[in-house]
Amino acid sequence: MFVVDTNVFVYALNRSSAEHTACRHLIEAWRSQSMPWYTTWGILYEVIRVATHPRVFQQPESFGTVWRFIDVLLASPTIGLLVEGPRHAEVAGSVSSEVKGLRGNIVHDFHTAVLMREHGIRRIVTRDTDFHRFPFLEVVDPLSV
């Protein structure tokens, strides 16, 4: 079990990215496997934010294109969405006491890490090195998979 992070999806969407082909192939492989894989709504909304942003890409994707991509992902029979459960506040408090310097942009990664711990998932596939700040996570670079 593993979580797929924003940048893997954005690379798969962005045909001009050097990581496009590798990430696209990984997603296709995960969609056809029998083992479950996960993401979060926060990650999916961040994919929309980044992929459609004119300051990030010279030719950003349209909202509709990104939403169709997400629809295809969500149609995968083995994908799951991690959501907050009854222990979420307790787990978030525990993680916040273990990891120092939580503020600003790292808060999105903190939320993902908390959801992962809450659901007992340790592995995240991402190129975001900020996830190394969470010692209970195994960070896997998608280009090394």
Protein backbone atom coordinates (compact mmCIF):
# COMPACT_ATOMS: atom_id res chain seq x y z
CA MET A 1 0.00 0.00 0.00
CA PHE A 2 1.20 3.48 -0.82
CA VAL A 3 0.04 7.04 -1.39
CA VAL A 4 0.69 8.90 -4.63
CA ASP A 5 1.52 12.58 -4.20
CA THR A 6 0.65 15.64 -6.26
CA ASN A 7 3.83 15.92 -8.29
CA VAL A 8 3.52 12.41 -9.74
CA PHE A 9 0.07 13.25 -11.09
CA VAL A 10 1.19 16.67 -12.36
CA TYR A 11 4.15 15.10 -14.20
CA ALA A 12 1.80 12.53 -15.74
CA LEU A 13 -0.41 15.36 -16.99
CA ASN A 14 2.35 17.65 -18.26
CA ARG A 15 3.61 16.24 -21.57
CA SER A 16 6.54 18.68 -21.63
CA SER A 17 7.88 17.43 -18.29
CA ALA A 18 11.00 15.26 -18.36
CA GLU A 19 9.24 13.00 -15.84
CA HIS A 20 6.03 12.70 -17.91
CA THR A 21 6.57 9.33 -19.56
CA ALA A 22 7.83 7.57 -16.42
CA CYS A 23 5.01 8.92 -14.24
CA ARG A 24 2.33 8.23 -16.85
CA HIS A 25 3.50 4.61 -17.14
CA LEU A 26 3.51 4.20 -13.36
CA ILE A 27 -0.03 5.46 -13.05
CA GLU A 28 -1.21 3.15 -15.81
CA ALA A 29 0.50 0.22 -14.08
CA TRP A 30 -1.08 1.09 -10.72
CA ARG A 31 -4.51 1.43 -12.33
CA SER A 32 -4.28 -2.13 -13.67
CA GLN A 33 -2.80 -3.84 -10.61
CA SER A 34 -4.73 -5.72 -7.96
CA MET A 35 -2.94 -4.09 -4.99
CA PRO A 36 -4.61 -1.01 -3.48
CA TRP A 37 -3.03 2.42 -3.83
CA TYR A 38 -4.16 5.71 -2.36
CA THR A 39 -4.32 9.46 -2.61
CA THR A 40 -6.32 12.19 -0.85
CA TRP A 41 -8.79 14.84 -1.93
CA GLY A 42 -6.26 17.43 -0.77
CA ILE A 43 -3.69 16.00 -3.16
CA LEU A 44 -6.19 15.93 -6.03
CA TYR A 45 -7.22 19.54 -5.43
CA GLU A 46 -3.55 20.49 -5.33
CA VAL A 47 -3.09 18.76 -8.71
CA ILE A 48 -5.80 21.04 -10.08
CA ARG A 49 -4.21 24.11 -8.49
CA VAL A 50 -0.73 23.38 -9.83
CA ALA A 51 -1.61 22.02 -13.28
CA THR A 52 -3.91 24.96 -14.10
CA HIS A 53 -1.66 27.69 -12.68
CA PRO A 54 -0.34 30.17 -15.27
CA ARG A 55 2.66 31.06 -13.10
CA VAL A 56 3.71 27.42 -12.86
CA PHE A 57 3.29 26.48 -16.54
CA GLN A 58 3.58 28.57 -19.67
CA GLN A 59 0.65 26.60 -21.06
CA PRO A 60 -1.32 25.36 -18.06
CA GLU A 61 -3.93 22.67 -18.40
CA SER A 62 -7.60 23.61 -18.43
CA PHE A 63 -9.68 22.78 -15.37
CA GLY A 64 -11.73 20.38 -17.52
CA THR A 65 -8.66 18.48 -18.70
CA VAL A 66 -7.40 18.03 -15.16
CA TRP A 67 -10.84 17.03 -13.89
CA ARG A 68 -11.15 14.38 -16.62
CA PHE A 69 -7.73 13.05 -15.59
CA ILE A 70 -8.95 12.83 -11.98
CA ASP A 71 -12.15 11.10 -13.13
CA VAL A 72 -10.04 8.44 -14.84
CA LEU A 73 -7.95 7.99 -11.69
CA LEU A 74 -11.03 7.64 -9.50
CA ALA A 75 -12.48 5.05 -11.88
CA SER A 76 -9.54 2.78 -11.09
CA PRO A 77 -10.89 -0.18 -9.13
CA THR A 78 -7.96 -0.29 -6.69
CA ILE A 79 -7.54 3.40 -5.82
CA GLY A 80 -8.65 4.61 -2.44
CA LEU A 81 -9.07 8.07 -0.94
CA LEU A 82 -7.76 8.62 2.57
CA VAL A 83 -10.13 10.72 4.66
CA GLU A 84 -10.11 11.95 8.22
CA GLY A 85 -11.51 9.50 10.74
CA PRO A 86 -12.49 9.75 14.41
CA ARG A 87 -8.81 9.59 15.53
CA HIS A 88 -7.65 12.36 13.19
CA ALA A 89 -7.19 15.09 15.82
CA GLU A 90 -5.32 12.70 18.11
CA VAL A 91 -2.99 11.54 15.32
CA ALA A 92 -2.43 15.14 14.12
CA GLY A 93 -1.52 16.18 17.66
CA SER A 94 0.93 13.30 17.96
CA VAL A 95 2.62 14.08 14.63
CA SER A 96 2.76 17.80 15.44
CA SER A 97 4.66 17.03 18.65
CA GLU A 98 7.14 14.79 16.79
CA VAL A 99 7.90 17.05 13.80
CA LYS A 100 9.23 20.54 14.44
CA GLY A 101 8.90 23.61 12.23
CA LEU A 102 5.42 22.94 10.90
CA ARG A 103 4.22 26.09 9.15
CA GLY A 104 3.46 27.54 5.75
CA ASN A 105 3.58 25.24 2.76
CA ILE A 106 4.62 22.20 4.82
CA VAL A 107 1.15 22.11 6.40
CA HIS A 108 -0.30 20.44 3.28
CA ASP A 109 2.35 17.69 3.55
CA PHE A 110 1.66 17.46 7.29
CA HIS A 111 -2.01 16.78 6.53
CA THR A 112 -1.07 14.03 4.07
CA ALA A 113 1.38 12.50 6.56
CA VAL A 114 -1.26 12.55 9.31
CA LEU A 115 -3.79 10.81 7.05
CA MET A 116 -1.19 8.21 6.16
CA ARG A 117 -0.39 7.47 9.79
CA GLU A 118 -4.07 7.40 10.67
CA HIS A 119 -4.65 4.74 7.99
CA GLY A 120 -1.47 2.76 8.67
CA ILE A 121 0.24 3.56 5.37
CA ARG A 122 3.97 4.33 5.46
CA ARG A 123 5.04 4.61 1.81
CA ILE A 124 4.53 7.73 -0.30
CA VAL A 125 5.54 8.00 -3.94
CA THR A 126 6.70 11.57 -4.48
CA ARG A 127 9.55 13.79 -5.61
CA ASP A 128 8.76 16.21 -2.76
CA THR A 129 11.74 15.97 -0.43
CA ASP A 130 9.79 17.71 2.36
CA PHE A 131 8.21 14.35 3.19
CA HIS A 132 11.59 13.24 4.56
CA ARG A 133 10.77 15.48 7.55
CA PHE A 134 8.27 12.84 8.70
CA PRO A 135 10.42 10.00 10.10
CA PHE A 136 7.59 7.48 10.06
CA LEU A 137 7.23 7.73 6.25
CA GLU A 138 9.11 5.84 3.56
CA VAL A 139 9.59 8.31 0.71
CA VAL A 140 9.93 6.70 -2.73
CA ASP A 141 11.02 8.70 -5.75
CA PRO A 142 8.80 7.66 -8.69
CA LEU A 143 11.79 7.74 -11.03
CA SER A 144 13.47 5.01 -8.99
CA VAL A 145 10.47 2.66 -8.95
